[in-house]
């Protein structure tokens, strides 16, 4: 009897260890990476999709690039995960929306897109003809690098950004609209004249109507410009009682990821 008892116990332990091993193997990991090009370096984190097998050369995945706000600028390759990462790490979201997700980090002293900040009021403004920042230039090269990989579906490259990152994704898309299947800006800004090049790109603009940092008028004007130029895939979603930090509400909306992953070039 004792032999049988210990045999059963041993088998249960083995099954338990195997189950733990399988769960550990499937545990999502945000790998720390550095992209180097022409003497420049951009730190980033990358999340591979559920069930990803590096030896599988036939399966292609969408690529999501998530740009953080100015307060997450740095060199620790960690701060940029403060917002957004939990959404893509969510087991249910990973199951339904299999994608490669990249979280680059903008260094201190640089920006994802050119903007000016009024030190007296704290308000941001954007120029009509901005230069491309150093970080954005390196990021463009990195996106191009990944878009050519066999595991990436180049027809499904998505840009998502919050605050200064929202400015960044709009700036990137305006410079090279044919590269991106969809753009989501949350609390971002761009000069409305630059939206003409994006009339064929699916765009969602989320903004808090009470935003005292980046005026909601930027998103409204961008949306009106898109519609005036015949855009059929532009939307603006306002939160009447929210200020600048409306990304929690935006990213927790029921169709946030559903809308993004439904887009394709």
C-alpha atoms as a PDB file:
ATOM      1  CA  UNK A   1       0.000   0.000   0.000  1.00  0.00           C
ATOM      2  CA  UNK A   2       2.818   2.382   0.915  1.00  0.00           C
ATOM      3  CA  UNK A   3       4.579   1.694  -2.388  1.00  0.00           C
ATOM      4  CA  UNK A   4       1.399   2.494  -4.308  1.00  0.00           C
ATOM      5  CA  UNK A   5       0.839   5.636  -2.261  1.00  0.00           C
ATOM      6  CA  UNK A   6       4.339   6.941  -2.900  1.00  0.00           C
ATOM      7  CA  UNK A   7       4.072   6.049  -6.593  1.00  0.00           C
ATOM      8  CA  UNK A   8       0.879   8.061  -6.962  1.00  0.00           C
ATOM      9  CA  UNK A   9       2.424  10.937  -4.988  1.00  0.00           C
ATOM     10  CA  UNK A  10       5.514  10.889  -7.203  1.00  0.00           C
ATOM     11  CA  UNK A  11       3.390  10.951 -10.362  1.00  0.00           C
ATOM     12  CA  UNK A  12       1.336  13.857  -9.033  1.00  0.00           C
ATOM     13  CA  UNK A  13       4.521  15.764  -8.296  1.00  0.00           C
ATOM     14  CA  UNK A  14       5.842  15.101 -11.783  1.00  0.00           C
ATOM     15  CA  UNK A  15       2.588  16.269 -13.390  1.00  0.00           C
ATOM     16  CA  UNK A  16       2.602  19.338 -11.178  1.00  0.00           C
ATOM     17  CA  UNK A  17       6.181  20.196 -12.118  1.00  0.00           C
ATOM     18  CA  UNK A  18       5.398  19.652 -15.799  1.00  0.00           C
ATOM     19  CA  UNK A  19       2.373  21.930 -15.519  1.00  0.00           C
ATOM     20  CA  UNK A  20       4.447  24.604 -13.751  1.00  0.00           C
ATOM     21  CA  UNK A  21       7.135  24.279 -16.418  1.00  0.00           C
ATOM     22  CA  UNK A  22       4.567  24.735 -19.192  1.00  0.00           C
ATOM     23  CA  UNK A  23       3.096  27.789 -17.482  1.00  0.00           C
ATOM     24  CA  UNK A  24       6.555  29.256 -16.931  1.00  0.00           C
ATOM     25  CA  UNK A  25       7.372  28.676 -20.587  1.00  0.00           C
ATOM     26  CA  UNK A  26       4.213  30.529 -21.678  1.00  0.00           C
ATOM     27  CA  UNK A  27       4.758  33.373 -19.205  1.00  0.00           C
ATOM     28  CA  UNK A  28       5.000  36.596 -21.205  1.00  0.00           C
ATOM     29  CA  UNK A  29       8.376  38.325 -21.060  1.00  0.00           C
ATOM     30  CA  UNK A  30       9.274  41.842 -22.113  1.00  0.00           C
ATOM     31  CA  UNK A  31      12.781  41.259 -23.403  1.00  0.00           C
ATOM     32  CA  UNK A  32      15.279  44.105 -23.037  1.00  0.00           C
ATOM     33  CA  UNK A  33      16.944  45.047 -26.325  1.00  0.00           C
ATOM     34  CA  UNK A  34      19.000  47.782 -27.984  1.00  0.00           C
ATOM     35  CA  UNK A  35      18.747  48.847 -31.609  1.00  0.00           C
ATOM     36  CA  UNK A  36      21.951  50.303 -33.033  1.00  0.00           C
ATOM     37  CA  UNK A  37      22.210  52.124 -36.336  1.00  0.00           C
ATOM     38  CA  UNK A  38      24.810  54.521 -37.738  1.00  0.00           C
ATOM     39  CA  UNK A  39      26.321  55.093 -34.307  1.00  0.00           C
ATOM     40  CA  UNK A  40      22.970  55.730 -32.624  1.00  0.00           C
ATOM     41  CA  UNK A  41      21.282  53.508 -30.037  1.00  0.00           C
ATOM     42  CA  UNK A  42      17.636  53.180 -29.043  1.00  0.00           C
ATOM     43  CA  UNK A  43      16.673  51.028 -26.075  1.00  0.00           C
ATOM     44  CA  UNK A  44      13.428  49.101 -26.220  1.00  0.00           C
ATOM     45  CA  UNK A  45      11.441  46.208 -24.843  1.00  0.00           C
ATOM     46  CA  UNK A  46       9.865  43.585 -27.062  1.00  0.00           C
ATOM     47  CA  UNK A  47       6.982  41.217 -26.338  1.00  0.00           C
ATOM     48  CA  UNK A  48       6.477  38.171 -28.529  1.00  0.00           C
ATOM     49  CA  UNK A  49       3.003  36.701 -29.095  1.00  0.00           C
ATOM     50  CA  UNK A  50       1.461  33.787 -27.247  1.00  0.00           C
ATOM     51  CA  UNK A  51       2.686  30.518 -28.736  1.00  0.00           C
ATOM     52  CA  UNK A  52       5.565  32.184 -30.579  1.00  0.00           C
ATOM     53  CA  UNK A  53       8.116  29.743 -31.954  1.00  0.00           C
ATOM     54  CA  UNK A  54      11.322  31.291 -33.260  1.00  0.00           C
ATOM     55  CA  UNK A  55      11.847  28.279 -35.526  1.00  0.00           C
ATOM     56  CA  UNK A  56       8.519  28.875 -37.281  1.00  0.00           C
ATOM     57  CA  UNK A  57       9.447  30.888 -40.366  1.00  0.00           C
ATOM     58  CA  UNK A  58       5.996  30.805 -41.976  1.00  0.00           C
ATOM     59  CA  UNK A  59       3.730  32.483 -39.409  1.00  0.00           C
ATOM     60  CA  UNK A  60       3.555  36.267 -39.620  1.00  0.00           C
ATOM     61  CA  UNK A  61       2.369  38.547 -36.830  1.00  0.00           C
ATOM     62  CA  UNK A  62       1.166  42.145 -36.633  1.00  0.00           C
ATOM     63  CA  UNK A  63       3.652  44.617 -35.182  1.00  0.00           C
ATOM     64  CA  UNK A  64       2.552  47.206 -32.599  1.00  0.00           C
ATOM     65  CA  UNK A  65       4.856  50.098 -31.685  1.00  0.00           C
ATOM     66  CA  UNK A  66       3.848  51.859 -28.444  1.00  0.00           C
ATOM     67  CA  UNK A  67       5.288  55.302 -27.693  1.00  0.00           C
ATOM     68  CA  UNK A  68       5.302  56.553 -24.098  1.00  0.00           C
ATOM     69  CA  UNK A  69       4.781  60.040 -22.668  1.00  0.00           C
ATOM     70  CA  UNK A  70       7.541  62.563 -21.953  1.00  0.00           C
ATOM     71  CA  UNK A  71       7.649  61.724 -18.241  1.00  0.00           C
ATOM     72  CA  UNK A  72       8.870  58.209 -19.091  1.00  0.00           C
ATOM     73  CA  UNK A  73      11.933  59.432 -21.028  1.00  0.00           C
ATOM     74  CA  UNK A  74      15.130  57.868 -19.729  1.00  0.00           C
ATOM     75  CA  UNK A  75      17.794  55.199 -20.142  1.00  0.00           C
ATOM     76  CA  UNK A  76      16.628  52.487 -17.729  1.00  0.00           C
ATOM     77  CA  UNK A  77      14.654  50.657 -20.442  1.00  0.00           C
ATOM     78  CA  UNK A  78      11.890  50.177 -17.903  1.00  0.00           C
ATOM     79  CA  UNK A  79      10.015  53.435 -17.303  1.00  0.00           C
ATOM     80  CA  UNK A  80       8.331  53.309 -20.720  1.00  0.00           C
ATOM     81  CA  UNK A  81       6.337  50.292 -19.536  1.00  0.00           C
ATOM     82  CA  UNK A  82       4.393  52.341 -16.970  1.00  0.00           C
ATOM     83  CA  UNK A  83       1.357  52.672 -19.227  1.00  0.00           C
ATOM     84  CA  UNK A  84       0.214  50.279 -21.927  1.00  0.00           C
ATOM     85  CA  UNK A  85       2.319  47.229 -21.132  1.00  0.00           C
ATOM     86  CA  UNK A  86      -0.298  45.699 -18.816  1.00  0.00           C
ATOM     87  CA  UNK A  87      -2.829  45.732 -21.652  1.00  0.00           C
ATOM     88  CA  UNK A  88      -0.586  43.708 -23.942  1.00  0.00           C
ATOM     89  CA  UNK A  89       0.545  41.410 -21.113  1.00  0.00           C
ATOM     90  CA  UNK A  90      -3.050  40.576 -20.221  1.00  0.00           C
ATOM     91  CA  UNK A  91      -3.479  36.794 -20.894  1.00  0.00           C
ATOM     92  CA  UNK A  92      -6.887  37.238 -22.520  1.00  0.00           C
ATOM     93  CA  UNK A  93      -5.654  40.004 -24.809  1.00  0.00           C
ATOM     94  CA  UNK A  94      -2.573  37.970 -25.729  1.00  0.00           C
ATOM     95  CA  UNK A  95      -4.786  35.018 -26.614  1.00  0.00           C
ATOM     96  CA  UNK A  96      -7.102  36.944 -28.927  1.00  0.00           C
ATOM     97  CA  UNK A  97      -4.647  39.471 -30.340  1.00  0.00           C
ATOM     98  CA  UNK A  98      -1.385  37.745 -31.145  1.00  0.00           C
ATOM     99  CA  UNK A  99       1.227  40.325 -32.034  1.00  0.00           C
ATOM    100  CA  UNK A 100       4.781  41.476 -31.600  1.00  0.00           C
ATOM    101  CA  UNK A 101       4.768  44.593 -29.419  1.00  0.00           C
ATOM    102  CA  UNK A 102       7.678  47.028 -29.119  1.00  0.00           C
ATOM    103  CA  UNK A 103       8.065  49.638 -26.370  1.00  0.00           C
ATOM    104  CA  UNK A 104      10.979  51.950 -27.287  1.00  0.00           C
ATOM    105  CA  UNK A 105      12.318  54.495 -24.792  1.00  0.00           C
ATOM    106  CA  UNK A 106      13.129  58.065 -25.747  1.00  0.00           C
ATOM    107  CA  UNK A 107      16.301  59.364 -24.047  1.00  0.00           C
ATOM    108  CA  UNK A 108      16.182  62.349 -21.683  1.00  0.00           C
ATOM    109  CA  UNK A 109      16.689  65.573 -23.616  1.00  0.00           C
ATOM    110  CA  UNK A 110      15.038  64.346 -26.799  1.00  0.00           C
ATOM    111  CA  UNK A 111      11.461  63.991 -28.055  1.00  0.00           C
ATOM    112  CA  UNK A 112       9.436  61.606 -30.209  1.00  0.00           C
ATOM    113  CA  UNK A 113       8.361  64.651 -32.224  1.00  0.00           C
ATOM    114  CA  UNK A 114       9.209  68.331 -32.153  1.00  0.00           C
ATOM    115  CA  UNK A 115       7.021  70.352 -29.806  1.00  0.00           C
ATOM    116  CA  UNK A 116       7.316  73.372 -27.569  1.00  0.00           C
ATOM    117  CA  UNK A 117       6.280  73.692 -23.951  1.00  0.00           C
ATOM    118  CA  UNK A 118       5.278  76.979 -22.399  1.00  0.00           C
ATOM    119  CA  UNK A 119       7.080  77.003 -19.056  1.00  0.00           C
ATOM    120  CA  UNK A 120       4.588  79.457 -17.602  1.00  0.00           C
ATOM    121  CA  UNK A 121       1.382  77.608 -18.513  1.00  0.00           C
ATOM    122  CA  UNK A 122       2.722  74.081 -19.081  1.00  0.00           C
ATOM    123  CA  UNK A 123       0.845  73.916 -22.379  1.00  0.00           C
ATOM    124  CA  UNK A 124       2.274  72.230 -25.470  1.00  0.00           C
ATOM    125  CA  UNK A 125       2.263  73.463 -29.055  1.00  0.00           C
ATOM    126  CA  UNK A 126       3.400  71.887 -32.330  1.00  0.00           C
ATOM    127  CA  UNK A 127       4.912  73.519 -35.457  1.00  0.00           C
ATOM    128  CA  UNK A 128       3.557  73.162 -38.980  1.00  0.00           C
ATOM    129  CA  UNK A 129       6.929  72.054 -40.401  1.00  0.00           C
ATOM    130  CA  UNK A 130       8.800  70.185 -37.643  1.00  0.00           C
ATOM    131  CA  UNK A 131      12.209  68.606 -37.960  1.00  0.00           C
ATOM    132  CA  UNK A 132      12.462  64.881 -37.296  1.00  0.00           C
ATOM    133  CA  UNK A 133      14.079  64.315 -33.924  1.00  0.00           C
ATOM    134  CA  UNK A 134      17.092  62.053 -33.469  1.00  0.00           C
ATOM    135  CA  UNK A 135      15.110  59.438 -31.542  1.00  0.00           C
ATOM    136  CA  UNK A 136      12.335  59.423 -34.127  1.00  0.00           C
ATOM    137  CA  UNK A 137      14.888  58.993 -36.910  1.00  0.00           C
ATOM    138  CA  UNK A 138      16.419  55.959 -35.209  1.00  0.00           C
ATOM    139  CA  UNK A 139      12.950  54.608 -34.436  1.00  0.00           C
ATOM    140  CA  UNK A 140      11.982  54.885 -38.110  1.00  0.00           C
ATOM    141  CA  UNK A 141      15.021  52.805 -39.035  1.00  0.00           C
ATOM    142  CA  UNK A 142      14.123  50.243 -36.374  1.00  0.00           C
ATOM    143  CA  UNK A 143      10.535  49.913 -37.607  1.00  0.00           C
ATOM    144  CA  UNK A 144      11.833  49.475 -41.147  1.00  0.00           C
ATOM    145  CA  UNK A 145      14.249  46.822 -39.847  1.00  0.00           C
ATOM    146  CA  UNK A 146      11.448  44.858 -38.189  1.00  0.00           C
ATOM    147  CA  UNK A 147       9.040  45.274 -41.083  1.00  0.00           C
ATOM    148  CA  UNK A 148      11.436  43.270 -43.256  1.00  0.00           C
ATOM    149  CA  UNK A 149      11.617  40.337 -40.868  1.00  0.00           C
ATOM    150  CA  UNK A 150       9.878  37.140 -41.959  1.00  0.00           C
ATOM    151  CA  UNK A 151       7.809  36.998 -38.751  1.00  0.00           C
ATOM    152  CA  UNK A 152       6.251  40.442 -39.261  1.00  0.00           C
ATOM    153  CA  UNK A 153       3.153  41.076 -41.361  1.00  0.00           C
ATOM    154  CA  UNK A 154       4.162  44.319 -43.072  1.00  0.00           C
ATOM    155  CA  UNK A 155       0.500  45.007 -43.899  1.00  0.00           C
ATOM    156  CA  UNK A 156      -0.311  45.184 -40.188  1.00  0.00           C
ATOM    157  CA  UNK A 157       2.072  47.624 -38.548  1.00  0.00           C
ATOM    158  CA  UNK A 158       0.307  49.741 -35.934  1.00  0.00           C
ATOM    159  CA  UNK A 159       1.350  52.871 -34.052  1.00  0.00           C
ATOM    160  CA  UNK A 160      -0.036  53.715 -30.596  1.00  0.00           C
ATOM    161  CA  UNK A 161       1.097  56.672 -28.499  1.00  0.00           C
ATOM    162  CA  UNK A 162       0.105  58.639 -25.417  1.00  0.00           C
ATOM    163  CA  UNK A 163       0.748  62.356 -24.811  1.00  0.00           C
ATOM    164  CA  UNK A 164       4.170  63.139 -26.344  1.00  0.00           C
ATOM    165  CA  UNK A 165       4.043  59.612 -27.751  1.00  0.00           C
ATOM    166  CA  UNK A 166       0.744  60.538 -29.395  1.00  0.00           C
ATOM    167  CA  UNK A 167       2.559  63.412 -31.072  1.00  0.00           C
ATOM    168  CA  UNK A 168       5.261  60.962 -32.072  1.00  0.00           C
ATOM    169  CA  UNK A 169       2.995  58.439 -33.783  1.00  0.00           C
ATOM    170  CA  UNK A 170       1.195  61.156 -35.728  1.00  0.00           C
ATOM    171  CA  UNK A 171       4.515  62.651 -36.797  1.00  0.00           C
ATOM    172  CA  UNK A 172       5.892  59.262 -37.895  1.00  0.00           C
ATOM    173  CA  UNK A 173       2.750  58.430 -39.833  1.00  0.00           C
ATOM    174  CA  UNK A 174       2.591  61.841 -41.537  1.00  0.00           C
ATOM    175  CA  UNK A 175       6.166  61.381 -42.765  1.00  0.00           C
ATOM    176  CA  UNK A 176       5.599  57.890 -44.164  1.00  0.00           C
ATOM    177  CA  UNK A 177       1.852  57.093 -44.269  1.00  0.00           C
ATOM    178  CA  UNK A 178       2.170  54.057 -46.533  1.00  0.00           C
ATOM    179  CA  UNK A 179       4.062  52.138 -43.846  1.00  0.00           C
ATOM    180  CA  UNK A 180       1.274  51.960 -41.279  1.00  0.00           C
ATOM    181  CA  UNK A 181      -2.053  50.166 -41.164  1.00  0.00           C
ATOM    182  CA  UNK A 182      -3.475  52.194 -38.264  1.00  0.00           C
ATOM    183  CA  UNK A 183      -2.533  55.018 -35.911  1.00  0.00           C
ATOM    184  CA  UNK A 184      -3.874  55.689 -32.406  1.00  0.00           C
ATOM    185  CA  UNK A 185      -3.075  58.964 -30.669  1.00  0.00           C
ATOM    186  CA  UNK A 186      -4.176  59.489 -27.064  1.00  0.00           C
ATOM    187  CA  UNK A 187      -3.813  63.059 -25.822  1.00  0.00           C
ATOM    188  CA  UNK A 188      -1.455  63.830 -28.698  1.00  0.00           C
ATOM    189  CA  UNK A 189      -1.147  66.665 -31.195  1.00  0.00           C
ATOM    190  CA  UNK A 190      -0.082  67.528 -34.719  1.00  0.00           C
ATOM    191  CA  UNK A 191      -0.553  70.589 -36.889  1.00  0.00           C
ATOM    192  CA  UNK A 192      -3.761  69.937 -38.825  1.00  0.00           C
ATOM    193  CA  UNK A 193      -2.157  70.873 -42.170  1.00  0.00           C
ATOM    194  CA  UNK A 194       0.004  67.753 -41.905  1.00  0.00           C
ATOM    195  CA  UNK A 195      -3.024  65.437 -41.800  1.00  0.00           C
ATOM    196  CA  UNK A 196      -3.647  65.651 -45.544  1.00  0.00           C
ATOM    197  CA  UNK A 197      -1.125  62.869 -46.160  1.00  0.00           C
ATOM    198  CA  UNK A 198      -3.038  60.587 -43.777  1.00  0.00           C
ATOM    199  CA  UNK A 199      -6.466  60.707 -45.392  1.00  0.00           C
ATOM    200  CA  UNK A 200      -6.238  57.037 -46.362  1.00  0.00           C
ATOM    201  CA  UNK A 201      -4.856  55.825 -43.020  1.00  0.00           C
ATOM    202  CA  UNK A 202      -7.246  54.528 -40.314  1.00  0.00           C
ATOM    203  CA  UNK A 203      -6.798  56.887 -37.367  1.00  0.00           C
ATOM    204  CA  UNK A 204      -8.311  57.147 -33.920  1.00  0.00           C
ATOM    205  CA  UNK A 205      -7.808  60.277 -31.854  1.00  0.00           C
ATOM    206  CA  UNK A 206      -8.612  59.979 -28.145  1.00  0.00           C
ATOM    207  CA  UNK A 207      -8.619  63.154 -26.075  1.00  0.00           C
ATOM    208  CA  UNK A 208      -9.878  64.544 -22.802  1.00  0.00           C
ATOM    209  CA  UNK A 209     -12.088  67.573 -23.453  1.00  0.00           C
ATOM    210  CA  UNK A 210     -10.786  69.178 -20.257  1.00  0.00           C
ATOM    211  CA  UNK A 211      -7.117  68.703 -21.237  1.00  0.00           C
ATOM    212  CA  UNK A 212      -5.170  71.760 -20.042  1.00  0.00           C
ATOM    213  CA  UNK A 213      -1.795  70.421 -21.209  1.00  0.00           C
ATOM    214  CA  UNK A 214      -2.418  69.463 -24.845  1.00  0.00           C
ATOM    215  CA  UNK A 215      -5.548  71.207 -26.034  1.00  0.00           C
ATOM    216  CA  UNK A 216      -8.302  68.984 -27.408  1.00  0.00           C
ATOM    217  CA  UNK A 217      -8.480  71.448 -30.302  1.00  0.00           C
ATOM    218  CA  UNK A 218      -5.430  69.712 -31.816  1.00  0.00           C
ATOM    219  CA  UNK A 219      -7.279  66.414 -32.136  1.00  0.00           C
ATOM    220  CA  UNK A 220     -10.464  68.136 -33.282  1.00  0.00           C
ATOM    221  CA  UNK A 221      -8.674  70.145 -35.961  1.00  0.00           C
ATOM    222  CA  UNK A 222      -6.778  67.053 -37.121  1.00  0.00           C
ATOM    223  CA  UNK A 223     -10.040  65.121 -37.364  1.00  0.00           C
ATOM    224  CA  UNK A 224     -11.818  67.926 -39.278  1.00  0.00           C
ATOM    225  CA  UNK A 225      -8.894  68.165 -41.686  1.00  0.00           C
ATOM    226  CA  UNK A 226      -9.014  64.422 -42.339  1.00  0.00           C
ATOM    227  CA  UNK A 227     -12.735  64.521 -43.018  1.00  0.00           C
ATOM    228  CA  UNK A 228     -12.382  67.576 -45.247  1.00  0.00           C
ATOM    229  CA  UNK A 229      -9.903  65.602 -47.342  1.00  0.00           C
ATOM    230  CA  UNK A 230     -12.213  62.618 -47.727  1.00  0.00           C
ATOM    231  CA  UNK A 231     -11.025  60.307 -44.948  1.00  0.00           C
ATOM    232  CA  UNK A 232     -13.427  57.445 -44.297  1.00  0.00           C
ATOM    233  CA  UNK A 233     -11.422  55.831 -41.495  1.00  0.00           C
ATOM    234  CA  UNK A 234     -10.896  58.660 -39.032  1.00  0.00           C
ATOM    235  CA  UNK A 235     -12.522  58.845 -35.613  1.00  0.00           C
ATOM    236  CA  UNK A 236     -12.294  61.174 -32.646  1.00  0.00           C
ATOM    237  CA  UNK A 237     -13.301  59.980 -29.195  1.00  0.00           C
ATOM    238  CA  UNK A 238     -13.560  62.611 -26.486  1.00  0.00           C
ATOM    239  CA  UNK A 239     -13.961  62.225 -22.746  1.00  0.00           C
ATOM    240  CA  UNK A 240     -15.970  65.201 -21.557  1.00  0.00           C
ATOM    241  CA  UNK A 241     -14.900  64.940 -17.910  1.00  0.00           C
ATOM    242  CA  UNK A 242     -11.253  63.953 -18.408  1.00  0.00           C
ATOM    243  CA  UNK A 243      -8.067  65.979 -18.657  1.00  0.00           C
ATOM    244  CA  UNK A 244      -4.747  65.052 -20.207  1.00  0.00           C
ATOM    245  CA  UNK A 245      -4.317  61.593 -18.641  1.00  0.00           C
ATOM    246  CA  UNK A 246      -7.188  59.898 -20.446  1.00  0.00           C
ATOM    247  CA  UNK A 247      -5.194  56.886 -21.664  1.00  0.00           C
ATOM    248  CA  UNK A 248      -6.537  54.609 -18.936  1.00  0.00           C
ATOM    249  CA  UNK A 249     -10.076  55.183 -20.196  1.00  0.00           C
ATOM    250  CA  UNK A 250      -9.025  54.860 -23.830  1.00  0.00           C
ATOM    251  CA  UNK A 251      -7.078  51.625 -23.432  1.00  0.00           C
ATOM    252  CA  UNK A 252      -9.755  50.040 -21.262  1.00  0.00           C
ATOM    253  CA  UNK A 253     -12.510  50.726 -23.797  1.00  0.00           C
ATOM    254  CA  UNK A 254     -14.156  47.554 -25.084  1.00  0.00           C
ATOM    255  CA  UNK A 255     -13.029  47.872 -28.704  1.00  0.00           C
ATOM    256  CA  UNK A 256      -9.597  49.467 -28.299  1.00  0.00           C
ATOM    257  CA  UNK A 257      -7.553  46.488 -29.508  1.00  0.00           C
ATOM    258  CA  UNK A 258     -10.376  45.100 -31.619  1.00  0.00           C
ATOM    259  CA  UNK A 259     -10.385  48.219 -33.782  1.00  0.00           C
ATOM    260  CA  UNK A 260      -6.611  48.295 -34.135  1.00  0.00           C
ATOM    261  CA  UNK A 261      -6.218  44.675 -35.177  1.00  0.00           C
ATOM    262  CA  UNK A 262      -9.111  44.893 -37.625  1.00  0.00           C
ATOM    263  CA  UNK A 263      -7.057  47.293 -39.768  1.00  0.00           C
ATOM    264  CA  UNK A 264      -4.829  46.220 -42.636  1.00  0.00           C
ATOM    265  CA  UNK A 265      -3.162  47.967 -45.542  1.00  0.00           C
END
